Amino acid sequence: MIDTIKKHKQLIYLYGGALFAFMLVILIAVTSLNGSPMDSSLNQFNNQTALDLGFAQVTWYATFILTGITIGATLSYFEFKKLGWDTEILFDGLLYAVPLAIVGARLYYVIFDPTPNYNSFIDVINITEGGLAIHGAVIVTIIFLIFFTKKKKIDFWVMADIIAVGFLVGQIIGRWGNFMNGEAHGPAITSEFILRLLPNFIETNMTNPVTNITYHPTFFYEGLWNFVGLTGLLITRRMKLFKVGDMIALYLIWYGLGRGLIIEPLRQDPLYIFGLKANIVLSLTLFAGGGALLLILKRVLFKDQKYYVEMLVTHEDDPL
């Protein structure tokens, strides 16, 4: 047991530290709610502010998004070192990718918003009251990576595999911002069995105090789904199972199926395309379908790709 801990101590420190940071932010956020339920008129919590600077306020939504980006970037940093890549490339990429991802997430939301009310360019880019969609962020980021990796002369597929892990980390953590806003939830829970499974603080804060209706915490369901996917990738990426580019394809399949078949059918705030729920259509076609197609085509067009684990230059008997 002791030998196993010593062998994997770097792994334990890194993932343990990331988990601790994540749980600490959740603890502080939930404590700030002080048990206050959803506002009965707005279906949102009364305290969405993480930090009041006087001249500006930092919301919990932004805090969780930034936490997700930070932890995802940290894991990517250590993966760059394992690959023997210059970590400055990562920071250069983040400098452009993060703003572009936000722009992509906002444009996707604006395009498919069923109740558009944008009277100016400022209205279109105004994200202070929400209105972001992860699908747009993922699409724009992948397009950006095609050009960025070519310019930096690094393998696009390896970079995409690293980003797949980062996407899952960011989505798991970022969804707690929806929880703090009391948004993106599902319909009323009618099953006592489901209610018993929910953590008490989630049930309390997803309950309307006037109607006593408890809403499905779809953010929590999506987070659990993504956590299973993330755990699977982290465990298996050090095995000789995946060739470069497989993990981004598997991410698209896993996330697409979970979002399209489980989460979006429950969501009460859908975006629409041609009268259909946009996120269901795009999750199942663009994500799941595209990921499956990518996984197949890679084995036809890129037969000589290496296994991902063979790209690592530092092992040190540590699966990290």
C-alpha atoms as a PDB file:
ATOM      1  CA  MET A   1       0.000   0.000   0.000  1.00  0.00           C
ATOM      2  CA  ILE A   2       2.776   2.427   0.976  1.00  0.00           C
ATOM      3  CA  ASP A   3       4.776   1.513  -2.134  1.00  0.00           C
ATOM      4  CA  THR A   4       1.713   2.175  -4.305  1.00  0.00           C
ATOM      5  CA  ILE A   5       1.224   5.607  -2.717  1.00  0.00           C
ATOM      6  CA  LYS A   6       4.890   6.491  -3.213  1.00  0.00           C
ATOM      7  CA  LYS A   7       4.786   5.355  -6.835  1.00  0.00           C
ATOM      8  CA  HIS A   8       1.734   7.453  -7.618  1.00  0.00           C
ATOM      9  CA  LYS A   9       2.408  10.393  -5.296  1.00  0.00           C
ATOM     10  CA  GLN A  10       2.668  12.914  -8.133  1.00  0.00           C
ATOM     11  CA  LEU A  11      -0.704  11.742  -9.417  1.00  0.00           C
ATOM     12  CA  ILE A  12      -2.217  11.968  -5.942  1.00  0.00           C
ATOM     13  CA  TYR A  13      -0.840  15.459  -5.336  1.00  0.00           C
ATOM     14  CA  LEU A  14      -2.021  16.849  -8.662  1.00  0.00           C
ATOM     15  CA  TYR A  15      -5.505  15.344  -8.847  1.00  0.00           C
ATOM     16  CA  GLY A  16      -5.987  15.602  -5.105  1.00  0.00           C
ATOM     17  CA  GLY A  17      -5.028  19.276  -5.178  1.00  0.00           C
ATOM     18  CA  ALA A  18      -7.381  19.950  -8.096  1.00  0.00           C
ATOM     19  CA  LEU A  19     -10.241  18.160  -6.332  1.00  0.00           C
ATOM     20  CA  PHE A  20      -9.549  20.024  -3.090  1.00  0.00           C
ATOM     21  CA  ALA A  21      -9.588  23.396  -4.859  1.00  0.00           C
ATOM     22  CA  PHE A  22     -12.854  22.509  -6.588  1.00  0.00           C
ATOM     23  CA  MET A  23     -14.526  21.326  -3.382  1.00  0.00           C
ATOM     24  CA  LEU A  24     -13.295  24.388  -1.490  1.00  0.00           C
ATOM     25  CA  VAL A  25     -14.906  26.748  -4.015  1.00  0.00           C
ATOM     26  CA  ILE A  26     -18.179  24.771  -3.816  1.00  0.00           C
ATOM     27  CA  LEU A  27     -18.091  24.865  -0.003  1.00  0.00           C
ATOM     28  CA  ILE A  28     -17.567  28.627   0.073  1.00  0.00           C
ATOM     29  CA  ALA A  29     -20.274  29.169  -2.559  1.00  0.00           C
ATOM     30  CA  VAL A  30     -22.875  26.981  -0.864  1.00  0.00           C
ATOM     31  CA  THR A  31     -22.093  28.518   2.547  1.00  0.00           C
ATOM     32  CA  SER A  32     -22.711  31.954   1.052  1.00  0.00           C
ATOM     33  CA  LEU A  33     -26.255  30.894   0.173  1.00  0.00           C
ATOM     34  CA  ASN A  34     -26.886  30.323   3.869  1.00  0.00           C
ATOM     35  CA  GLY A  35     -29.614  27.838   3.033  1.00  0.00           C
ATOM     36  CA  SER A  36     -31.636  30.423   1.109  1.00  0.00           C
ATOM     37  CA  PRO A  37     -33.911  28.737  -1.437  1.00  0.00           C
ATOM     38  CA  MET A  38     -34.717  29.888  -4.930  1.00  0.00           C
ATOM     39  CA  ASP A  39     -36.395  33.278  -5.320  1.00  0.00           C
ATOM     40  CA  SER A  40     -40.054  32.416  -5.902  1.00  0.00           C
ATOM     41  CA  SER A  41     -40.557  35.051  -8.600  1.00  0.00           C
ATOM     42  CA  LEU A  42     -37.290  34.754 -10.501  1.00  0.00           C
ATOM     43  CA  ASN A  43     -36.479  31.055 -10.012  1.00  0.00           C
ATOM     44  CA  GLN A  44     -32.983  32.057  -8.980  1.00  0.00           C
ATOM     45  CA  PHE A  45     -31.038  32.404  -5.776  1.00  0.00           C
ATOM     46  CA  ASN A  46     -30.875  35.663  -3.891  1.00  0.00           C
ATOM     47  CA  ASN A  47     -27.100  35.647  -3.594  1.00  0.00           C
ATOM     48  CA  GLN A  48     -25.263  35.312  -6.906  1.00  0.00           C
ATOM     49  CA  THR A  49     -22.333  37.557  -5.966  1.00  0.00           C
ATOM     50  CA  ALA A  50     -19.070  35.956  -4.932  1.00  0.00           C
ATOM     51  CA  LEU A  51     -17.132  39.162  -4.328  1.00  0.00           C
ATOM     52  CA  ASP A  52     -18.315  42.759  -4.130  1.00  0.00           C
ATOM     53  CA  LEU A  53     -15.479  45.160  -4.894  1.00  0.00           C
ATOM     54  CA  GLY A  54     -17.666  48.222  -4.620  1.00  0.00           C
ATOM     55  CA  PHE A  55     -17.014  49.410  -8.149  1.00  0.00           C
ATOM     56  CA  ALA A  56     -17.698  45.952  -9.579  1.00  0.00           C
ATOM     57  CA  GLN A  57     -19.090  42.575  -8.584  1.00  0.00           C
ATOM     58  CA  VAL A  58     -17.659  39.133  -9.303  1.00  0.00           C
ATOM     59  CA  THR A  59     -20.446  36.571  -9.684  1.00  0.00           C
ATOM     60  CA  TRP A  60     -20.312  32.933  -8.674  1.00  0.00           C
ATOM     61  CA  TYR A  61     -21.033  32.034 -12.296  1.00  0.00           C
ATOM     62  CA  ALA A  62     -17.811  33.728 -13.409  1.00  0.00           C
ATOM     63  CA  THR A  63     -15.927  32.298 -10.438  1.00  0.00           C
ATOM     64  CA  PHE A  64     -16.777  28.709 -11.330  1.00  0.00           C
ATOM     65  CA  ILE A  65     -15.972  29.249 -15.000  1.00  0.00           C
ATOM     66  CA  LEU A  66     -12.569  30.725 -14.116  1.00  0.00           C
ATOM     67  CA  THR A  67     -11.944  27.907 -11.625  1.00  0.00           C
ATOM     68  CA  GLY A  68     -12.685  25.338 -14.319  1.00  0.00           C
ATOM     69  CA  ILE A  69     -10.350  27.056 -16.781  1.00  0.00           C
ATOM     70  CA  THR A  70      -7.590  27.313 -14.176  1.00  0.00           C
ATOM     71  CA  ILE A  71      -7.742  23.669 -13.097  1.00  0.00           C
ATOM     72  CA  GLY A  72      -8.058  22.464 -16.696  1.00  0.00           C
ATOM     73  CA  ALA A  73      -5.047  24.582 -17.694  1.00  0.00           C
ATOM     74  CA  THR A  74      -3.038  23.246 -14.761  1.00  0.00           C
ATOM     75  CA  LEU A  75      -3.656  19.634 -15.764  1.00  0.00           C
ATOM     76  CA  SER A  76      -2.774  20.540 -19.359  1.00  0.00           C
ATOM     77  CA  TYR A  77       0.460  22.176 -18.171  1.00  0.00           C
ATOM     78  CA  PHE A  78       1.688  18.959 -16.571  1.00  0.00           C
ATOM     79  CA  GLU A  79       0.605  16.970 -19.633  1.00  0.00           C
ATOM     80  CA  PHE A  80       2.680  19.296 -21.816  1.00  0.00           C
ATOM     81  CA  LYS A  81       5.691  18.496 -19.644  1.00  0.00           C
ATOM     82  CA  LYS A  82       5.023  14.786 -20.036  1.00  0.00           C
ATOM     83  CA  LEU A  83       5.017  15.268 -23.801  1.00  0.00           C
ATOM     84  CA  GLY A  84       8.207  17.296 -23.715  1.00  0.00           C
ATOM     85  CA  TRP A  85       6.415  20.292 -25.210  1.00  0.00           C
ATOM     86  CA  ASP A  86       7.243  23.907 -24.448  1.00  0.00           C
ATOM     87  CA  THR A  87       4.673  25.001 -21.861  1.00  0.00           C
ATOM     88  CA  GLU A  88       4.793  28.554 -23.243  1.00  0.00           C
ATOM     89  CA  ILE A  89       2.804  27.199 -26.186  1.00  0.00           C
ATOM     90  CA  LEU A  90      -0.010  26.331 -23.794  1.00  0.00           C
ATOM     91  CA  PHE A  91      -0.108  29.828 -22.332  1.00  0.00           C
ATOM     92  CA  ASP A  92      -0.029  31.363 -25.808  1.00  0.00           C
ATOM     93  CA  GLY A  93      -2.948  29.175 -26.806  1.00  0.00           C
ATOM     94  CA  LEU A  94      -4.978  30.032 -23.713  1.00  0.00           C
ATOM     95  CA  LEU A  95      -4.442  33.738 -24.353  1.00  0.00           C
ATOM     96  CA  TYR A  96      -6.413  33.421 -27.588  1.00  0.00           C
ATOM     97  CA  ALA A  97      -8.549  30.323 -27.034  1.00  0.00           C
ATOM     98  CA  VAL A  98     -10.354  31.479 -23.873  1.00  0.00           C
ATOM     99  CA  PRO A  99     -11.679  34.778 -25.332  1.00  0.00           C
ATOM    100  CA  LEU A 100     -12.562  33.043 -28.615  1.00  0.00           C
ATOM    101  CA  ALA A 101     -14.395  30.293 -26.742  1.00  0.00           C
ATOM    102  CA  ILE A 102     -16.463  32.870 -24.879  1.00  0.00           C
ATOM    103  CA  VAL A 103     -17.281  34.612 -28.159  1.00  0.00           C
ATOM    104  CA  GLY A 104     -18.260  31.272 -29.710  1.00  0.00           C
ATOM    105  CA  ALA A 105     -20.423  30.350 -26.731  1.00  0.00           C
ATOM    106  CA  ARG A 106     -22.184  33.708 -26.885  1.00  0.00           C
ATOM    107  CA  LEU A 107     -22.766  33.680 -30.657  1.00  0.00           C
ATOM    108  CA  TYR A 108     -24.183  30.158 -30.508  1.00  0.00           C
ATOM    109  CA  TYR A 109     -26.624  31.256 -27.830  1.00  0.00           C
ATOM    110  CA  VAL A 110     -27.645  34.397 -29.731  1.00  0.00           C
ATOM    111  CA  ILE A 111     -28.176  32.518 -33.004  1.00  0.00           C
ATOM    112  CA  PHE A 112     -30.465  29.890 -31.464  1.00  0.00           C
ATOM    113  CA  ASP A 113     -32.135  32.037 -28.799  1.00  0.00           C
ATOM    114  CA  PRO A 114     -35.910  31.426 -29.158  1.00  0.00           C
ATOM    115  CA  THR A 115     -36.728  34.867 -27.708  1.00  0.00           C
ATOM    116  CA  PRO A 116     -34.136  37.194 -29.237  1.00  0.00           C
ATOM    117  CA  ASN A 117     -34.043  40.713 -27.906  1.00  0.00           C
ATOM    118  CA  TYR A 118     -30.852  42.170 -29.294  1.00  0.00           C
ATOM    119  CA  ASN A 119     -31.190  45.771 -30.401  1.00  0.00           C
ATOM    120  CA  SER A 120     -27.509  46.572 -30.760  1.00  0.00           C
ATOM    121  CA  PHE A 121     -24.059  45.051 -31.003  1.00  0.00           C
ATOM    122  CA  ILE A 122     -23.633  45.697 -27.279  1.00  0.00           C
ATOM    123  CA  ASP A 123     -26.705  43.531 -26.606  1.00  0.00           C
ATOM    124  CA  VAL A 124     -25.177  40.724 -28.656  1.00  0.00           C
ATOM    125  CA  ILE A 125     -21.876  40.682 -26.761  1.00  0.00           C
ATOM    126  CA  ASN A 126     -23.351  41.389 -23.310  1.00  0.00           C
ATOM    127  CA  ILE A 127     -22.704  38.292 -21.192  1.00  0.00           C
ATOM    128  CA  THR A 128     -23.179  39.920 -17.801  1.00  0.00           C
ATOM    129  CA  GLU A 129     -26.571  38.231 -17.417  1.00  0.00           C
ATOM    130  CA  GLY A 130     -25.608  34.862 -18.850  1.00  0.00           C
ATOM    131  CA  GLY A 131     -26.426  33.588 -22.291  1.00  0.00           C
ATOM    132  CA  LEU A 132     -23.520  31.256 -23.088  1.00  0.00           C
ATOM    133  CA  ALA A 133     -23.667  27.807 -24.712  1.00  0.00           C
ATOM    134  CA  ILE A 134     -20.831  25.304 -24.405  1.00  0.00           C
ATOM    135  CA  HIS A 135     -21.466  23.904 -27.890  1.00  0.00           C
ATOM    136  CA  GLY A 136     -20.292  27.156 -29.452  1.00  0.00           C
ATOM    137  CA  ALA A 137     -17.196  27.239 -27.250  1.00  0.00           C
ATOM    138  CA  VAL A 138     -16.205  23.680 -28.213  1.00  0.00           C
ATOM    139  CA  ILE A 139     -16.718  24.273 -31.942  1.00  0.00           C
ATOM    140  CA  VAL A 140     -14.735  27.523 -32.004  1.00  0.00           C
ATOM    141  CA  THR A 141     -11.922  26.065 -29.876  1.00  0.00           C
ATOM    142  CA  ILE A 142     -11.450  23.054 -32.160  1.00  0.00           C
ATOM    143  CA  ILE A 143     -11.375  25.300 -35.251  1.00  0.00           C
ATOM    144  CA  PHE A 144      -8.838  27.556 -33.513  1.00  0.00           C
ATOM    145  CA  LEU A 145      -6.650  24.549 -32.665  1.00  0.00           C
ATOM    146  CA  ILE A 146      -6.365  23.589 -36.341  1.00  0.00           C
ATOM    147  CA  PHE A 147      -4.643  26.887 -37.144  1.00  0.00           C
ATOM    148  CA  PHE A 148      -2.806  27.264 -33.839  1.00  0.00           C
ATOM    149  CA  THR A 149      -1.161  23.826 -33.915  1.00  0.00           C
ATOM    150  CA  LYS A 150      -0.104  24.361 -37.522  1.00  0.00           C
ATOM    151  CA  LYS A 151       1.544  27.663 -36.635  1.00  0.00           C
ATOM    152  CA  LYS A 152       3.274  26.227 -33.564  1.00  0.00           C
ATOM    153  CA  LYS A 153       4.229  23.042 -35.446  1.00  0.00           C
ATOM    154  CA  ILE A 154       2.770  20.657 -32.895  1.00  0.00           C
ATOM    155  CA  ASP A 155       0.493  17.652 -33.439  1.00  0.00           C
ATOM    156  CA  PHE A 156      -3.148  18.765 -33.710  1.00  0.00           C
ATOM    157  CA  TRP A 157      -4.506  15.376 -32.628  1.00  0.00           C
ATOM    158  CA  VAL A 158      -2.406  15.241 -29.457  1.00  0.00           C
ATOM    159  CA  MET A 159      -3.393  18.792 -28.599  1.00  0.00           C
ATOM    160  CA  ALA A 160      -7.055  17.940 -29.197  1.00  0.00           C
ATOM    161  CA  ASP A 161      -6.745  14.968 -26.826  1.00  0.00           C
ATOM    162  CA  ILE A 162      -5.353  17.241 -24.113  1.00  0.00           C
ATOM    163  CA  ILE A 163      -8.162  19.717 -24.702  1.00  0.00           C
ATOM    164  CA  ALA A 164     -10.754  16.908 -24.415  1.00  0.00           C
ATOM    165  CA  VAL A 165      -9.745  16.421 -20.780  1.00  0.00           C
ATOM    166  CA  GLY A 166      -9.771  20.188 -20.280  1.00  0.00           C
ATOM    167  CA  PHE A 167     -13.286  20.446 -21.729  1.00  0.00           C
ATOM    168  CA  LEU A 168     -14.625  17.875 -19.283  1.00  0.00           C
ATOM    169  CA  VAL A 169     -12.931  19.514 -16.296  1.00  0.00           C
ATOM    170  CA  GLY A 170     -14.256  22.931 -17.285  1.00  0.00           C
ATOM    171  CA  GLN A 171     -17.795  21.664 -17.866  1.00  0.00           C
ATOM    172  CA  ILE A 172     -17.961  19.751 -14.585  1.00  0.00           C
ATOM    173  CA  ILE A 173     -16.887  22.794 -12.572  1.00  0.00           C
ATOM    174  CA  GLY A 174     -18.558  25.458 -14.684  1.00  0.00           C
ATOM    175  CA  ARG A 175     -22.003  23.885 -14.312  1.00  0.00           C
ATOM    176  CA  TRP A 176     -21.976  24.841 -10.636  1.00  0.00           C
ATOM    177  CA  GLY A 177     -22.298  28.403 -11.849  1.00  0.00           C
ATOM    178  CA  ASN A 178     -25.729  27.430 -13.185  1.00  0.00           C
ATOM    179  CA  PHE A 179     -26.571  26.031  -9.763  1.00  0.00           C
ATOM    180  CA  MET A 180     -25.683  29.318  -8.087  1.00  0.00           C
ATOM    181  CA  ASN A 181     -27.866  31.165 -10.602  1.00  0.00           C
ATOM    182  CA  GLY A 182     -30.739  28.743 -10.132  1.00  0.00           C
ATOM    183  CA  GLU A 183     -30.913  28.281 -13.896  1.00  0.00           C
ATOM    184  CA  ALA A 184     -30.718  25.581 -16.547  1.00  0.00           C
ATOM    185  CA  HIS A 185     -32.800  23.241 -14.411  1.00  0.00           C
ATOM    186  CA  GLY A 186     -35.324  20.600 -15.379  1.00  0.00           C
ATOM    187  CA  PRO A 187     -39.014  20.118 -14.551  1.00  0.00           C
ATOM    188  CA  ALA A 188     -40.452  19.305 -11.144  1.00  0.00           C
ATOM    189  CA  ILE A 189     -39.184  16.105  -9.548  1.00  0.00           C
ATOM    190  CA  THR A 190     -42.044  13.673  -9.004  1.00  0.00           C
ATOM    191  CA  SER A 191     -40.011  10.695  -7.813  1.00  0.00           C
ATOM    192  CA  GLU A 192     -39.339  10.333  -4.087  1.00  0.00           C
ATOM    193  CA  PHE A 193     -36.509   7.959  -4.964  1.00  0.00           C
ATOM    194  CA  ILE A 194     -34.646  10.687  -6.888  1.00  0.00           C
ATOM    195  CA  LEU A 195     -35.228  13.181  -4.079  1.00  0.00           C
ATOM    196  CA  ARG A 196     -33.652  10.798  -1.588  1.00  0.00           C
ATOM    197  CA  LEU A 197     -30.575  10.450  -3.777  1.00  0.00           C
ATOM    198  CA  LEU A 198     -29.918  14.183  -4.039  1.00  0.00           C
ATOM    199  CA  PRO A 199     -27.542  15.871  -1.580  1.00  0.00           C
ATOM    200  CA  ASN A 200     -29.588  17.873   0.916  1.00  0.00           C
ATOM    201  CA  PHE A 201     -28.143  21.278  -0.011  1.00  0.00           C
ATOM    202  CA  ILE A 202     -28.959  20.707  -3.690  1.00  0.00           C
ATOM    203  CA  GLU A 203     -32.524  19.663  -2.908  1.00  0.00           C
ATOM    204  CA  THR A 204     -32.991  22.656  -0.596  1.00  0.00           C
ATOM    205  CA  ASN A 205     -31.684  25.170  -3.062  1.00  0.00           C
ATOM    206  CA  MET A 206     -33.551  23.723  -6.037  1.00  0.00           C
ATOM    207  CA  THR A 207     -36.890  24.032  -4.237  1.00  0.00           C
ATOM    208  CA  ASN A 208     -39.296  26.912  -4.815  1.00  0.00           C
ATOM    209  CA  PRO A 209     -40.387  28.070  -1.325  1.00  0.00           C
ATOM    210  CA  VAL A 210     -43.859  29.135  -2.450  1.00  0.00           C
ATOM    211  CA  THR A 211     -44.911  26.129  -4.508  1.00  0.00           C
ATOM    212  CA  ASN A 212     -42.598  23.673  -2.687  1.00  0.00           C
ATOM    213  CA  ILE A 213     -41.623  22.312  -6.096  1.00  0.00           C
ATOM    214  CA  THR A 214     -38.156  20.804  -6.354  1.00  0.00           C
ATOM    215  CA  TYR A 215     -36.650  21.031  -9.828  1.00  0.00           C
ATOM    216  CA  HIS A 216     -34.396  18.464 -11.476  1.00  0.00           C
ATOM    217  CA  PRO A 217     -30.797  19.716 -11.007  1.00  0.00           C
ATOM    218  CA  THR A 218     -29.713  18.993 -14.574  1.00  0.00           C
ATOM    219  CA  PHE A 219     -26.390  20.723 -13.885  1.00  0.00           C
ATOM    220  CA  PHE A 220     -25.686  17.970 -11.331  1.00  0.00           C
ATOM    221  CA  TYR A 221     -26.697  15.171 -13.687  1.00  0.00           C
ATOM    222  CA  GLU A 222     -24.493  16.571 -16.435  1.00  0.00           C
ATOM    223  CA  GLY A 223     -21.624  16.984 -13.995  1.00  0.00           C
ATOM    224  CA  LEU A 224     -21.874  13.350 -12.893  1.00  0.00           C
ATOM    225  CA  TRP A 225     -22.031  12.164 -16.511  1.00  0.00           C
ATOM    226  CA  ASN A 226     -18.953  14.195 -17.408  1.00  0.00           C
ATOM    227  CA  PHE A 227     -17.133  13.043 -14.278  1.00  0.00           C
ATOM    228  CA  VAL A 228     -17.552   9.428 -15.348  1.00  0.00           C
ATOM    229  CA  GLY A 229     -16.214  10.327 -18.795  1.00  0.00           C
ATOM    230  CA  LEU A 230     -13.287  12.271 -17.327  1.00  0.00           C
ATOM    231  CA  THR A 231     -12.363   9.455 -14.952  1.00  0.00           C
ATOM    232  CA  GLY A 232     -12.425   6.985 -17.821  1.00  0.00           C
ATOM    233  CA  LEU A 233     -10.113   9.104 -19.969  1.00  0.00           C
ATOM    234  CA  LEU A 234      -7.650   9.808 -17.155  1.00  0.00           C
ATOM    235  CA  ILE A 235      -7.369   6.130 -16.244  1.00  0.00           C
ATOM    236  CA  THR A 236      -7.113   4.730 -19.762  1.00  0.00           C
ATOM    237  CA  ARG A 237      -4.967   7.362 -21.467  1.00  0.00           C
ATOM    238  CA  ARG A 238      -1.858   5.833 -19.884  1.00  0.00           C
ATOM    239  CA  MET A 239      -2.743   2.438 -21.351  1.00  0.00           C
ATOM    240  CA  LYS A 240      -1.960   1.334 -24.867  1.00  0.00           C
ATOM    241  CA  LEU A 241      -5.590   1.669 -25.944  1.00  0.00           C
ATOM    242  CA  PHE A 242      -6.030   5.042 -27.637  1.00  0.00           C
ATOM    243  CA  LYS A 243      -4.236   6.368 -30.653  1.00  0.00           C
ATOM    244  CA  VAL A 244      -3.737  10.113 -30.906  1.00  0.00           C
ATOM    245  CA  GLY A 245      -7.032  11.804 -31.689  1.00  0.00           C
ATOM    246  CA  ASP A 246      -9.142   9.041 -30.170  1.00  0.00           C
ATOM    247  CA  MET A 247      -9.799  10.903 -26.936  1.00  0.00           C
ATOM    248  CA  ILE A 248     -11.251  14.000 -28.584  1.00  0.00           C
ATOM    249  CA  ALA A 249     -13.501  11.707 -30.626  1.00  0.00           C
ATOM    250  CA  LEU A 250     -14.575   9.790 -27.528  1.00  0.00           C
ATOM    251  CA  TYR A 251     -15.228  13.055 -25.727  1.00  0.00           C
ATOM    252  CA  LEU A 252     -17.521  14.218 -28.535  1.00  0.00           C
ATOM    253  CA  ILE A 253     -19.391  10.909 -28.472  1.00  0.00           C
ATOM    254  CA  TRP A 254     -19.704  10.745 -24.688  1.00  0.00           C
ATOM    255  CA  TYR A 255     -20.705  14.351 -24.201  1.00  0.00           C
ATOM    256  CA  GLY A 256     -22.982  14.371 -27.231  1.00  0.00           C
ATOM    257  CA  LEU A 257     -24.940  11.341 -26.091  1.00  0.00           C
ATOM    258  CA  GLY A 258     -25.239  12.514 -22.495  1.00  0.00           C
ATOM    259  CA  ARG A 259     -26.284  16.026 -23.436  1.00  0.00           C
ATOM    260  CA  GLY A 260     -28.572  14.971 -26.275  1.00  0.00           C
ATOM    261  CA  LEU A 261     -30.331  11.997 -24.671  1.00  0.00           C
ATOM    262  CA  ILE A 262     -30.287  12.768 -20.939  1.00  0.00           C
ATOM    263  CA  ILE A 263     -29.795  16.447 -20.141  1.00  0.00           C
ATOM    264  CA  GLU A 264     -31.477  18.464 -22.897  1.00  0.00           C
ATOM    265  CA  PRO A 265     -34.791  16.546 -22.847  1.00  0.00           C
ATOM    266  CA  LEU A 266     -35.109  17.700 -19.218  1.00  0.00           C
ATOM    267  CA  ARG A 267     -33.953  21.302 -19.639  1.00  0.00           C
ATOM    268  CA  GLN A 268     -36.660  23.952 -19.412  1.00  0.00           C
ATOM    269  CA  ASP A 269     -34.696  26.680 -21.240  1.00  0.00           C
ATOM    270  CA  PRO A 270     -34.074  25.187 -24.694  1.00  0.00           C
ATOM    271  CA  LEU A 271     -32.570  26.901 -27.708  1.00  0.00           C
ATOM    272  CA  TYR A 272     -34.255  26.126 -31.019  1.00  0.00           C
ATOM    273  CA  ILE A 273     -33.305  25.386 -34.615  1.00  0.00           C
ATOM    274  CA  PHE A 274     -36.115  24.963 -37.158  1.00  0.00           C
ATOM    275  CA  GLY A 275     -38.590  24.370 -34.340  1.00  0.00           C
ATOM    276  CA  LEU A 276     -36.478  21.632 -32.754  1.00  0.00           C
ATOM    277  CA  LYS A 277     -34.377  21.805 -29.588  1.00  0.00           C
ATOM    278  CA  ALA A 278     -31.035  22.940 -30.963  1.00  0.00           C
ATOM    279  CA  ASN A 279     -28.880  21.315 -28.311  1.00  0.00           C
ATOM    280  CA  ILE A 280     -30.504  17.926 -28.806  1.00  0.00           C
ATOM    281  CA  VAL A 281     -30.083  18.077 -32.580  1.00  0.00           C
ATOM    282  CA  LEU A 282     -26.506  19.346 -32.478  1.00  0.00           C
ATOM    283  CA  SER A 283     -25.449  17.141 -29.577  1.00  0.00           C
ATOM    284  CA  LEU A 284     -26.562  13.974 -31.348  1.00  0.00           C
ATOM    285  CA  THR A 285     -25.409  14.917 -34.849  1.00  0.00           C
ATOM    286  CA  LEU A 286     -22.437  17.245 -34.564  1.00  0.00           C
ATOM    287  CA  PHE A 287     -21.009  15.820 -31.351  1.00  0.00           C
ATOM    288  CA  ALA A 288     -21.962  12.158 -31.109  1.00  0.00           C
ATOM    289  CA  GLY A 289     -22.237  11.623 -34.872  1.00  0.00           C
ATOM    290  CA  GLY A 290     -19.139  13.664 -35.634  1.00  0.00           C
ATOM    291  CA  GLY A 291     -17.163  11.923 -32.939  1.00  0.00           C
ATOM    292  CA  ALA A 292     -18.139   8.474 -34.205  1.00  0.00           C
ATOM    293  CA  LEU A 293     -17.300   9.476 -37.774  1.00  0.00           C
ATOM    294  CA  LEU A 294     -13.954  10.874 -36.653  1.00  0.00           C
ATOM    295  CA  LEU A 295     -13.129   7.685 -34.777  1.00  0.00           C
ATOM    296  CA  ILE A 296     -13.845   5.617 -37.909  1.00  0.00           C
ATOM    297  CA  LEU A 297     -12.181   7.901 -40.465  1.00  0.00           C
ATOM    298  CA  LYS A 298      -9.019   8.158 -38.402  1.00  0.00           C
ATOM    299  CA  ARG A 299      -8.556   4.424 -38.773  1.00  0.00           C
ATOM    300  CA  VAL A 300      -9.037   4.669 -42.516  1.00  0.00           C
ATOM    301  CA  LEU A 301      -7.128   7.858 -43.353  1.00  0.00           C
ATOM    302  CA  PHE A 302      -4.510   7.865 -40.588  1.00  0.00           C
ATOM    303  CA  LYS A 303      -3.617   4.222 -40.134  1.00  0.00           C
ATOM    304  CA  ASP A 304      -0.060   4.833 -38.953  1.00  0.00           C
ATOM    305  CA  GLN A 305      -0.864   7.003 -35.952  1.00  0.00           C
ATOM    306  CA  LYS A 306       0.923   6.227 -32.712  1.00  0.00           C
ATOM    307  CA  TYR A 307      -0.751   5.311 -29.488  1.00  0.00           C
ATOM    308  CA  TYR A 308      -1.162   8.350 -27.276  1.00  0.00           C
ATOM    309  CA  VAL A 309       0.980   6.880 -24.512  1.00  0.00           C
ATOM    310  CA  GLU A 310       3.850   6.467 -27.017  1.00  0.00           C
ATOM    311  CA  MET A 311       3.957  10.248 -27.458  1.00  0.00           C
ATOM    312  CA  LEU A 312       5.050  10.756 -23.850  1.00  0.00           C
ATOM    313  CA  VAL A 313       8.756  11.397 -23.324  1.00  0.00           C
ATOM    314  CA  THR A 314       8.812  11.296 -19.502  1.00  0.00           C
ATOM    315  CA  HIS A 315       7.288   8.406 -17.621  1.00  0.00           C
ATOM    316  CA  GLU A 316       9.233   8.056 -14.401  1.00  0.00           C
ATOM    317  CA  ASP A 317       7.118   5.028 -13.470  1.00  0.00           C
ATOM    318  CA  ASP A 318       4.214   7.399 -12.802  1.00  0.00           C
ATOM    319  CA  PRO A 319       0.925   7.073 -14.697  1.00  0.00           C
ATOM    320  CA  LEU A 320       0.346  10.817 -14.517  1.00  0.00           C
END
